[in-house]
């Protein structure tokens, strides 16, 4: 099979734009990882405070519920660009041996669907994000603790567009594979 003209020559070669984009998206993913660690510490402090001192940490459940969505959206773009999205490819790997053209068509269709879905997520989240900024919306218990809603919503918008871009770049600028993936 001929290598497309836009694919870099040789195994492991990555175009400079894709390499730069991957670096930015990896920073977003790293922020999500650090956030998980901080959330874990906060939950541990809440559990210890609740059980040992009868003094729970206020707002942990609310912060955790907002954090889970933000963490997922921070990590999605890097996973999309690297091709690490979860998928069941038992049928694809077998069909690829018989009809690789069909698989390439399916990959493009999945890419286009993914791009469309993530753009729609970002666009649909934008009005609420702008409103949260304009009204300075907070969540929590006023007078006890509050957090602004805007950063959480902005993460969804930015990461939605970033994931759409990552899916498109992954399809348009493939990285030459060093070896075929192992089939289990």
N, C-alpha and C. Protein backbone atom coordinates (compact mmCIF):
# COMPACT_ATOMS: atom_id res chain seq x y z
N UNK A 1 0.85 -1.17 0.00
CA UNK A 1 0.00 0.00 0.00
C UNK A 1 0.90 1.23 0.00
N UNK A 2 0.61 2.18 -0.85
CA UNK A 2 1.40 3.41 -0.98
C UNK A 2 1.11 4.33 0.20
N UNK A 3 2.16 5.01 0.63
CA UNK A 3 2.02 5.98 1.71
C UNK A 3 1.44 7.27 1.14
N UNK A 4 0.39 7.83 1.76
CA UNK A 4 -0.16 9.08 1.27
C UNK A 4 0.91 10.17 1.27
N UNK A 5 0.78 11.12 0.35
CA UNK A 5 1.79 12.17 0.21
C UNK A 5 1.91 13.04 1.45
N UNK A 6 0.86 13.13 2.27
CA UNK A 6 0.91 13.96 3.47
C UNK A 6 1.48 13.22 4.67
N UNK A 7 1.70 11.91 4.54
CA UNK A 7 2.27 11.14 5.65
C UNK A 7 3.78 11.30 5.64
N UNK A 8 4.38 11.46 6.80
CA UNK A 8 5.83 11.60 6.85
C UNK A 8 6.52 10.31 6.44
N UNK A 9 7.71 10.43 5.91
CA UNK A 9 8.47 9.26 5.50
C UNK A 9 9.14 8.64 6.72
N UNK A 10 9.12 7.33 6.77
CA UNK A 10 9.83 6.61 7.82
C UNK A 10 8.98 6.43 9.07
N UNK A 11 9.29 5.37 9.82
CA UNK A 11 8.52 5.09 11.04
C UNK A 11 8.77 6.13 12.12
N UNK A 12 7.69 6.52 12.78
CA UNK A 12 7.80 7.42 13.91
C UNK A 12 7.98 8.89 13.58
N UNK A 13 8.01 9.27 12.30
CA UNK A 13 8.17 10.69 11.92
C UNK A 13 6.85 11.41 12.16
N UNK A 14 6.96 12.58 12.77
CA UNK A 14 5.78 13.37 13.09
C UNK A 14 5.94 14.76 12.48
N UNK A 15 4.95 15.22 11.70
CA UNK A 15 5.04 16.57 11.14
C UNK A 15 5.15 17.61 12.25
N UNK A 16 5.87 18.71 12.03
CA UNK A 16 6.08 19.73 13.08
C UNK A 16 4.78 20.29 13.65
N UNK A 17 3.79 20.58 12.81
CA UNK A 17 2.52 21.12 13.32
C UNK A 17 1.88 20.14 14.28
N UNK A 18 1.86 18.88 13.88
CA UNK A 18 1.24 17.86 14.74
C UNK A 18 2.02 17.71 16.04
N UNK A 19 3.34 17.77 15.96
CA UNK A 19 4.17 17.66 17.16
C UNK A 19 3.87 18.81 18.12
N UNK A 20 3.75 20.04 17.59
CA UNK A 20 3.42 21.19 18.43
C UNK A 20 2.04 21.08 19.04
N UNK A 21 1.08 20.65 18.22
CA UNK A 21 -0.28 20.47 18.72
C UNK A 21 -0.30 19.40 19.81
N UNK A 22 0.45 18.32 19.59
CA UNK A 22 0.49 17.25 20.60
C UNK A 22 1.07 17.77 21.90
N UNK A 23 2.08 18.64 21.82
CA UNK A 23 2.67 19.20 23.04
C UNK A 23 1.64 20.02 23.82
N UNK A 24 0.87 20.84 23.12
CA UNK A 24 -0.16 21.66 23.79
C UNK A 24 -1.24 20.76 24.39
N UNK A 25 -1.67 19.76 23.63
CA UNK A 25 -2.73 18.87 24.12
C UNK A 25 -2.23 18.00 25.27
N UNK A 26 -0.94 17.64 25.23
CA UNK A 26 -0.37 16.88 26.35
C UNK A 26 -0.35 17.71 27.63
N UNK A 27 -0.13 19.02 27.50
CA UNK A 27 -0.17 19.90 28.67
C UNK A 27 -1.59 19.92 29.25
N UNK A 28 -2.58 19.97 28.36
CA UNK A 28 -3.97 19.91 28.84
C UNK A 28 -4.22 18.59 29.58
N UNK A 29 -3.76 17.49 28.99
CA UNK A 29 -3.93 16.18 29.62
C UNK A 29 -3.20 16.10 30.96
N UNK A 30 -2.00 16.70 31.02
CA UNK A 30 -1.25 16.72 32.27
C UNK A 30 -2.00 17.52 33.33
N UNK A 31 -2.62 18.61 32.93
CA UNK A 31 -3.43 19.39 33.88
C UNK A 31 -4.57 18.53 34.42
N UNK A 32 -5.17 17.73 33.56
CA UNK A 32 -6.22 16.81 34.01
C UNK A 32 -5.69 15.79 35.00
N UNK A 33 -4.48 15.31 34.76
CA UNK A 33 -3.87 14.33 35.65
C UNK A 33 -3.58 14.95 37.02
N UNK A 34 -3.03 16.16 37.02
CA UNK A 34 -2.75 16.86 38.28
C UNK A 34 -4.08 17.12 39.02
N UNK A 35 -5.11 17.46 38.25
CA UNK A 35 -6.42 17.71 38.84
C UNK A 35 -6.95 16.45 39.53
N UNK A 36 -6.76 15.30 38.88
CA UNK A 36 -7.19 14.02 39.49
C UNK A 36 -6.48 13.82 40.82
N UNK A 37 -5.18 14.07 40.83
CA UNK A 37 -4.41 13.90 42.07
C UNK A 37 -4.93 14.84 43.16
N UNK A 38 -5.17 16.10 42.81
CA UNK A 38 -5.70 17.05 43.78
C UNK A 38 -7.08 16.65 44.28
N UNK A 39 -7.91 16.18 43.38
CA UNK A 39 -9.25 15.72 43.75
C UNK A 39 -9.17 14.51 44.68
N UNK A 40 -8.23 13.62 44.38
CA UNK A 40 -8.04 12.46 45.23
C UNK A 40 -7.64 12.88 46.64
N UNK A 41 -6.72 13.84 46.75
CA UNK A 41 -6.31 14.33 48.07
C UNK A 41 -7.47 14.98 48.80
N UNK A 42 -8.28 15.74 48.06
CA UNK A 42 -9.42 16.41 48.68
C UNK A 42 -10.44 15.38 49.19
N UNK A 43 -10.69 14.34 48.42
CA UNK A 43 -11.64 13.30 48.83
C UNK A 43 -11.09 12.55 50.05
N UNK A 44 -9.78 12.26 50.03
CA UNK A 44 -9.17 11.58 51.18
C UNK A 44 -9.28 12.44 52.44
N UNK A 45 -9.04 13.76 52.28
CA UNK A 45 -9.16 14.66 53.43
C UNK A 45 -10.60 14.70 53.94
N UNK A 46 -11.55 14.68 53.03
CA UNK A 46 -12.96 14.68 53.42
C UNK A 46 -13.32 13.41 54.18
N UNK A 47 -12.89 12.27 53.64
CA UNK A 47 -13.20 11.00 54.30
C UNK A 47 -12.53 10.94 55.68
N UNK A 48 -11.25 11.33 55.75
CA UNK A 48 -10.56 11.31 57.04
C UNK A 48 -11.21 12.29 58.02
N UNK A 49 -11.52 13.48 57.55
CA UNK A 49 -12.16 14.47 58.41
C UNK A 49 -13.52 14.01 58.88
N UNK A 50 -14.26 13.39 58.00
CA UNK A 50 -15.62 12.92 58.33
C UNK A 50 -15.56 11.78 59.34
N UNK A 51 -14.65 10.82 59.14
CA UNK A 51 -14.63 9.63 59.98
C UNK A 51 -13.80 9.76 61.24
N UNK A 52 -12.72 10.52 61.17
CA UNK A 52 -11.84 10.62 62.34
C UNK A 52 -12.14 11.83 63.22
N UNK A 53 -12.52 12.94 62.59
CA UNK A 53 -12.69 14.18 63.34
C UNK A 53 -14.14 14.67 63.38
N UNK A 54 -15.02 13.95 62.70
CA UNK A 54 -16.42 14.38 62.58
C UNK A 54 -16.51 15.79 62.00
N UNK A 55 -15.56 16.11 61.09
CA UNK A 55 -15.54 17.43 60.44
C UNK A 55 -15.26 17.24 58.94
N UNK A 56 -16.30 17.00 58.14
CA UNK A 56 -16.07 16.81 56.71
C UNK A 56 -15.61 18.11 56.04
N UNK A 57 -14.94 17.95 54.92
CA UNK A 57 -14.52 19.11 54.14
C UNK A 57 -15.74 19.57 53.33
N UNK A 58 -16.10 20.80 53.48
CA UNK A 58 -17.30 21.34 52.83
C UNK A 58 -17.11 21.44 51.32
N UNK A 59 -18.11 20.97 50.57
CA UNK A 59 -18.14 21.15 49.13
C UNK A 59 -17.44 20.11 48.29
N UNK A 60 -16.89 19.08 48.91
CA UNK A 60 -16.13 18.09 48.14
C UNK A 60 -17.01 17.40 47.10
N UNK A 61 -18.20 17.00 47.46
CA UNK A 61 -19.07 16.30 46.51
C UNK A 61 -19.40 17.18 45.30
N UNK A 62 -19.69 18.44 45.54
CA UNK A 62 -20.02 19.35 44.45
C UNK A 62 -18.81 19.61 43.56
N UNK A 63 -17.65 19.81 44.18
CA UNK A 63 -16.43 20.05 43.40
C UNK A 63 -16.09 18.80 42.59
N UNK A 64 -16.22 17.63 43.19
CA UNK A 64 -15.91 16.38 42.49
C UNK A 64 -16.83 16.19 41.29
N UNK A 65 -18.12 16.50 41.46
CA UNK A 65 -19.05 16.30 40.34
C UNK A 65 -18.72 17.21 39.16
N UNK A 66 -18.33 18.44 39.42
CA UNK A 66 -17.92 19.35 38.34
C UNK A 66 -16.57 18.94 37.78
N UNK A 67 -15.70 18.45 38.63
CA UNK A 67 -14.34 18.12 38.22
C UNK A 67 -14.28 16.95 37.25
N UNK A 68 -15.12 15.96 37.45
CA UNK A 68 -15.06 14.77 36.60
C UNK A 68 -15.26 15.15 35.13
N UNK A 69 -16.23 15.97 34.85
CA UNK A 69 -16.48 16.39 33.47
C UNK A 69 -15.30 17.19 32.94
N UNK A 70 -14.79 18.11 33.73
CA UNK A 70 -13.67 18.94 33.30
C UNK A 70 -12.43 18.08 33.03
N UNK A 71 -12.16 17.12 33.89
CA UNK A 71 -10.99 16.26 33.73
C UNK A 71 -11.10 15.45 32.44
N UNK A 72 -12.26 14.88 32.20
CA UNK A 72 -12.45 14.10 30.96
C UNK A 72 -12.22 14.98 29.75
N UNK A 73 -12.77 16.17 29.76
CA UNK A 73 -12.61 17.05 28.60
C UNK A 73 -11.18 17.55 28.45
N UNK A 74 -10.45 17.68 29.53
CA UNK A 74 -9.04 18.07 29.43
C UNK A 74 -8.20 16.95 28.79
N UNK A 75 -8.57 15.71 29.03
CA UNK A 75 -7.78 14.59 28.54
C UNK A 75 -8.19 14.09 27.15
N UNK A 76 -9.38 14.42 26.71
CA UNK A 76 -9.87 13.93 25.41
C UNK A 76 -9.03 14.35 24.21
N UNK A 77 -8.63 15.62 24.08
CA UNK A 77 -7.92 16.01 22.86
C UNK A 77 -6.62 15.25 22.63
N UNK A 78 -5.81 15.08 23.66
CA UNK A 78 -4.53 14.36 23.50
C UNK A 78 -4.78 12.91 23.12
N UNK A 79 -5.78 12.30 23.74
CA UNK A 79 -6.10 10.91 23.41
C UNK A 79 -6.59 10.79 21.97
N UNK A 80 -7.37 11.76 21.51
CA UNK A 80 -7.87 11.73 20.14
C UNK A 80 -6.73 11.87 19.13
N UNK A 81 -5.80 12.76 19.41
CA UNK A 81 -4.69 12.97 18.47
C UNK A 81 -3.77 11.76 18.43
N UNK A 82 -3.56 11.12 19.54
CA UNK A 82 -2.69 9.94 19.58
C UNK A 82 -3.39 8.67 19.10
N UNK A 83 -4.71 8.75 18.91
CA UNK A 83 -5.44 7.56 18.49
C UNK A 83 -5.69 6.60 19.65
N UNK A 84 -5.75 7.14 20.86
CA UNK A 84 -5.94 6.31 22.05
C UNK A 84 -7.37 6.28 22.54
N UNK A 85 -8.30 6.65 21.70
CA UNK A 85 -9.70 6.59 22.10
C UNK A 85 -10.11 5.12 22.20
N UNK A 86 -10.93 4.80 23.18
CA UNK A 86 -11.35 3.42 23.38
C UNK A 86 -12.25 3.00 22.23
N UNK A 87 -11.95 1.82 21.69
CA UNK A 87 -12.79 1.28 20.62
C UNK A 87 -12.62 -0.22 20.57
N UNK A 88 -13.64 -0.88 20.12
CA UNK A 88 -13.59 -2.33 19.93
C UNK A 88 -13.31 -2.56 18.45
N UNK A 89 -12.09 -3.00 18.15
CA UNK A 89 -11.74 -3.13 16.74
C UNK A 89 -11.57 -4.58 16.30
N UNK A 90 -12.21 -5.50 17.02
CA UNK A 90 -12.10 -6.90 16.63
C UNK A 90 -12.64 -7.13 15.22
N UNK A 91 -13.70 -6.45 14.85
CA UNK A 91 -14.26 -6.58 13.51
C UNK A 91 -13.40 -5.82 12.49
N UNK A 92 -12.95 -4.64 12.88
CA UNK A 92 -12.15 -3.80 11.98
C UNK A 92 -10.85 -4.50 11.60
N UNK A 93 -10.16 -5.10 12.56
CA UNK A 93 -8.89 -5.75 12.25
C UNK A 93 -9.07 -6.94 11.32
N UNK A 94 -10.15 -7.65 11.45
CA UNK A 94 -10.40 -8.78 10.55
C UNK A 94 -10.85 -8.30 9.16
N UNK A 95 -11.69 -7.28 9.16
CA UNK A 95 -12.18 -6.74 7.89
C UNK A 95 -11.06 -6.04 7.12
N UNK A 96 -10.09 -5.49 7.83
CA UNK A 96 -8.97 -4.80 7.20
C UNK A 96 -8.16 -5.75 6.32
N UNK A 97 -8.09 -7.01 6.69
CA UNK A 97 -7.36 -8.00 5.88
C UNK A 97 -8.05 -8.27 4.56
N UNK A 98 -9.37 -8.18 4.56
CA UNK A 98 -10.16 -8.50 3.37
C UNK A 98 -10.46 -7.26 2.54
N UNK A 99 -10.85 -6.17 3.18
CA UNK A 99 -11.28 -4.96 2.46
C UNK A 99 -10.71 -3.72 3.13
N UNK A 100 -9.42 -3.43 2.94
CA UNK A 100 -8.83 -2.26 3.59
C UNK A 100 -9.45 -0.94 3.14
N UNK A 101 -9.97 -0.88 1.92
CA UNK A 101 -10.62 0.33 1.44
C UNK A 101 -11.87 0.67 2.23
N UNK A 102 -12.61 -0.35 2.61
CA UNK A 102 -13.81 -0.15 3.43
C UNK A 102 -13.43 0.41 4.79
N UNK A 103 -12.34 -0.10 5.35
CA UNK A 103 -11.88 0.38 6.66
C UNK A 103 -11.45 1.83 6.56
N UNK A 104 -10.73 2.20 5.49
CA UNK A 104 -10.33 3.61 5.33
C UNK A 104 -11.56 4.50 5.24
N UNK A 105 -12.58 4.06 4.51
CA UNK A 105 -13.82 4.83 4.41
C UNK A 105 -14.49 4.95 5.78
N UNK A 106 -14.54 3.85 6.53
CA UNK A 106 -15.13 3.90 7.88
C UNK A 106 -14.34 4.84 8.78
N UNK A 107 -13.01 4.80 8.70
CA UNK A 107 -12.18 5.70 9.52
C UNK A 107 -12.52 7.15 9.22
N UNK A 108 -12.67 7.49 7.94
CA UNK A 108 -13.03 8.86 7.56
C UNK A 108 -14.43 9.23 8.06
N UNK A 109 -15.36 8.30 7.94
CA UNK A 109 -16.72 8.58 8.42
C UNK A 109 -16.74 8.78 9.93
N UNK A 110 -16.01 7.93 10.66
CA UNK A 110 -15.93 8.08 12.11
C UNK A 110 -15.26 9.40 12.47
N UNK A 111 -14.23 9.77 11.73
CA UNK A 111 -13.55 11.04 11.97
C UNK A 111 -14.51 12.21 11.78
N UNK A 112 -15.22 12.20 10.67
CA UNK A 112 -16.16 13.29 10.39
C UNK A 112 -17.27 13.35 11.44
N UNK A 113 -17.76 12.19 11.85
CA UNK A 113 -18.79 12.16 12.89
C UNK A 113 -18.24 12.70 14.21
N UNK A 114 -17.03 12.29 14.57
CA UNK A 114 -16.41 12.78 15.80
C UNK A 114 -16.19 14.27 15.78
N UNK A 115 -15.68 14.78 14.66
CA UNK A 115 -15.46 16.22 14.52
C UNK A 115 -16.79 16.96 14.68
N UNK A 116 -17.82 16.48 14.00
CA UNK A 116 -19.13 17.12 14.08
C UNK A 116 -19.68 17.10 15.51
N UNK A 117 -19.57 15.98 16.18
CA UNK A 117 -20.10 15.86 17.54
C UNK A 117 -19.38 16.81 18.49
N UNK A 118 -18.04 16.86 18.41
CA UNK A 118 -17.30 17.71 19.35
C UNK A 118 -17.47 19.19 19.03
N UNK A 119 -17.61 19.54 17.77
CA UNK A 119 -17.91 20.94 17.43
C UNK A 119 -19.30 21.30 17.97
N UNK A 120 -20.27 20.41 17.80
CA UNK A 120 -21.61 20.67 18.33
C UNK A 120 -21.60 20.81 19.85
N UNK A 121 -20.82 19.98 20.53
CA UNK A 121 -20.71 20.10 21.99
C UNK A 121 -20.16 21.47 22.36
N UNK A 122 -19.07 21.88 21.69
CA UNK A 122 -18.44 23.16 22.00
C UNK A 122 -19.38 24.33 21.70
N UNK A 123 -20.02 24.29 20.55
CA UNK A 123 -20.92 25.38 20.15
C UNK A 123 -22.13 25.43 21.07
N UNK A 124 -22.67 24.28 21.43
CA UNK A 124 -23.85 24.29 22.31
C UNK A 124 -23.49 24.69 23.74
N UNK A 125 -22.25 24.48 24.15
CA UNK A 125 -21.84 24.87 25.50
C UNK A 125 -21.47 26.35 25.58
N UNK A 126 -21.21 26.98 24.45
CA UNK A 126 -20.75 28.37 24.47
C UNK A 126 -21.76 29.36 25.08
N UNK A 127 -23.05 29.32 24.73
CA UNK A 127 -23.98 30.30 25.32
C UNK A 127 -24.01 30.25 26.86
N UNK A 128 -24.01 29.04 27.43
CA UNK A 128 -23.99 28.93 28.89
C UNK A 128 -22.67 29.43 29.47
N UNK A 129 -21.57 29.22 28.72
CA UNK A 129 -20.27 29.69 29.17
C UNK A 129 -20.23 31.21 29.19
N UNK A 130 -20.71 31.83 28.12
CA UNK A 130 -20.74 33.29 28.04
C UNK A 130 -21.66 33.86 29.12
N UNK A 131 -22.78 33.21 29.34
CA UNK A 131 -23.72 33.66 30.38
C UNK A 131 -23.10 33.54 31.78
N UNK A 132 -22.37 32.45 32.01
CA UNK A 132 -21.70 32.29 33.31
C UNK A 132 -20.67 33.39 33.53
N UNK A 133 -19.99 33.81 32.48
CA UNK A 133 -19.01 34.89 32.59
C UNK A 133 -19.73 36.22 32.84
N UNK A 134 -20.78 36.47 32.05
CA UNK A 134 -21.50 37.74 32.13
C UNK A 134 -22.15 37.93 33.49
N UNK A 135 -22.75 36.87 34.02
CA UNK A 135 -23.49 36.98 35.29
C UNK A 135 -22.64 36.63 36.51
N UNK A 136 -21.40 36.24 36.25
CA UNK A 136 -20.50 35.81 37.34
C UNK A 136 -21.15 34.71 38.18
N UNK A 137 -21.62 33.69 37.46
CA UNK A 137 -22.32 32.58 38.11
C UNK A 137 -21.36 31.76 38.97
N UNK A 138 -21.84 31.38 40.14
CA UNK A 138 -21.08 30.56 41.07
C UNK A 138 -21.90 29.36 41.46
N UNK A 139 -21.24 28.31 41.94
CA UNK A 139 -21.95 27.20 42.56
C UNK A 139 -21.37 26.99 43.94
N UNK A 140 -22.15 26.36 44.79
CA UNK A 140 -21.74 26.15 46.17
C UNK A 140 -22.79 26.73 47.10
N UNK A 141 -22.39 26.96 48.33
CA UNK A 141 -23.29 27.50 49.34
C UNK A 141 -22.82 28.91 49.66
N UNK A 142 -23.64 29.89 49.27
CA UNK A 142 -23.25 31.28 49.47
C UNK A 142 -23.02 31.55 50.95
N UNK A 143 -21.90 32.19 51.23
CA UNK A 143 -21.54 32.48 52.61
C UNK A 143 -20.69 31.39 53.24
N UNK A 144 -20.70 30.18 52.65
CA UNK A 144 -19.88 29.08 53.18
C UNK A 144 -18.69 28.85 52.25
N UNK A 145 -18.97 28.56 51.00
CA UNK A 145 -17.93 28.43 49.97
C UNK A 145 -18.60 28.51 48.61
N UNK A 146 -17.95 29.09 47.66
CA UNK A 146 -18.45 29.14 46.29
C UNK A 146 -17.27 29.05 45.33
N UNK A 147 -17.55 28.55 44.14
CA UNK A 147 -16.58 28.50 43.05
C UNK A 147 -17.25 29.03 41.79
N UNK A 148 -16.50 29.74 40.94
CA UNK A 148 -17.09 30.22 39.69
C UNK A 148 -17.37 29.05 38.74
N UNK A 149 -18.45 29.15 38.00
CA UNK A 149 -18.85 28.12 37.03
C UNK A 149 -18.09 28.29 35.72
N UNK A 150 -17.73 29.54 35.40
CA UNK A 150 -17.12 29.84 34.10
C UNK A 150 -15.93 28.95 33.73
N UNK A 151 -14.94 28.74 34.58
CA UNK A 151 -13.79 27.92 34.15
C UNK A 151 -14.18 26.49 33.77
N UNK A 152 -15.11 25.92 34.49
CA UNK A 152 -15.55 24.56 34.18
C UNK A 152 -16.22 24.51 32.80
N UNK A 153 -17.05 25.49 32.53
CA UNK A 153 -17.73 25.53 31.24
C UNK A 153 -16.77 25.87 30.11
N UNK A 154 -15.81 26.74 30.37
CA UNK A 154 -14.83 27.10 29.35
C UNK A 154 -13.98 25.89 28.94
N UNK A 155 -13.67 25.05 29.90
CA UNK A 155 -12.92 23.83 29.59
C UNK A 155 -13.68 22.97 28.59
N UNK A 156 -14.98 22.87 28.73
CA UNK A 156 -15.79 22.07 27.80
C UNK A 156 -15.74 22.68 26.41
N UNK A 157 -15.86 23.99 26.30
CA UNK A 157 -15.84 24.66 25.00
C UNK A 157 -14.47 24.48 24.33
N UNK A 158 -13.42 24.85 25.04
CA UNK A 158 -12.07 24.78 24.46
C UNK A 158 -11.71 23.34 24.12
N UNK A 159 -11.99 22.42 25.02
CA UNK A 159 -11.64 21.02 24.78
C UNK A 159 -12.50 20.39 23.69
N UNK A 160 -13.73 20.85 23.55
CA UNK A 160 -14.57 20.35 22.46
C UNK A 160 -13.98 20.71 21.11
N UNK A 161 -13.60 21.97 20.96
CA UNK A 161 -12.95 22.39 19.70
C UNK A 161 -11.60 21.70 19.52
N UNK A 162 -10.84 21.57 20.61
CA UNK A 162 -9.52 20.94 20.53
C UNK A 162 -9.64 19.47 20.15
N UNK A 163 -10.64 18.78 20.66
CA UNK A 163 -10.84 17.37 20.32
C UNK A 163 -11.25 17.24 18.85
N UNK A 164 -12.10 18.13 18.38
CA UNK A 164 -12.49 18.11 16.96
C UNK A 164 -11.26 18.32 16.08
N UNK A 165 -10.43 19.30 16.44
CA UNK A 165 -9.20 19.55 15.69
C UNK A 165 -8.27 18.34 15.74
N UNK A 166 -8.13 17.75 16.91
CA UNK A 166 -7.24 16.59 17.08
C UNK A 166 -7.71 15.42 16.23
N UNK A 167 -9.00 15.17 16.20
CA UNK A 167 -9.52 14.08 15.37
C UNK A 167 -9.23 14.33 13.90
N UNK A 168 -9.43 15.57 13.46
CA UNK A 168 -9.18 15.91 12.05
C UNK A 168 -7.69 15.79 11.72
N UNK A 169 -6.83 16.30 12.58
CA UNK A 169 -5.38 16.24 12.33
C UNK A 169 -4.90 14.80 12.34
N UNK A 170 -5.42 14.00 13.25
CA UNK A 170 -5.02 12.59 13.31
C UNK A 170 -5.36 11.87 12.01
N UNK A 171 -6.44 12.26 11.38
CA UNK A 171 -6.84 11.63 10.12
C UNK A 171 -6.08 12.22 8.94
N UNK A 172 -5.85 13.53 8.94
CA UNK A 172 -5.20 14.20 7.82
C UNK A 172 -3.67 14.09 7.84
N UNK A 173 -3.10 13.97 9.04
CA UNK A 173 -1.64 13.90 9.18
C UNK A 173 -1.27 12.64 9.98
N UNK A 174 -1.46 11.48 9.39
CA UNK A 174 -1.17 10.25 10.16
C UNK A 174 0.33 10.13 10.44
N UNK A 175 0.63 9.49 11.54
CA UNK A 175 2.01 9.21 11.91
C UNK A 175 2.33 7.83 11.39
N UNK A 176 3.49 7.69 10.73
CA UNK A 176 3.89 6.39 10.23
C UNK A 176 4.06 5.44 11.39
N UNK A 177 3.49 4.25 11.28
CA UNK A 177 3.56 3.26 12.34
C UNK A 177 4.90 2.54 12.31
N UNK A 178 5.45 2.30 13.49
CA UNK A 178 6.71 1.57 13.58
C UNK A 178 6.49 0.06 13.45
N UNK A 179 5.35 -0.42 13.88
CA UNK A 179 5.03 -1.84 13.79
C UNK A 179 3.52 -1.97 13.85
N UNK A 180 3.04 -3.11 13.34
CA UNK A 180 1.60 -3.36 13.40
C UNK A 180 1.20 -3.58 14.85
N UNK A 181 0.00 -3.10 15.24
CA UNK A 181 -0.45 -3.31 16.61
C UNK A 181 -0.63 -4.80 16.90
N UNK A 182 -0.38 -5.18 18.12
CA UNK A 182 -0.54 -6.56 18.52
C UNK A 182 -2.01 -6.90 18.62
N UNK A 183 -2.36 -8.06 18.11
CA UNK A 183 -3.74 -8.52 18.23
C UNK A 183 -3.79 -9.57 19.31
N UNK A 184 -4.69 -9.39 20.24
CA UNK A 184 -4.79 -10.31 21.38
C UNK A 184 -5.85 -11.34 21.10
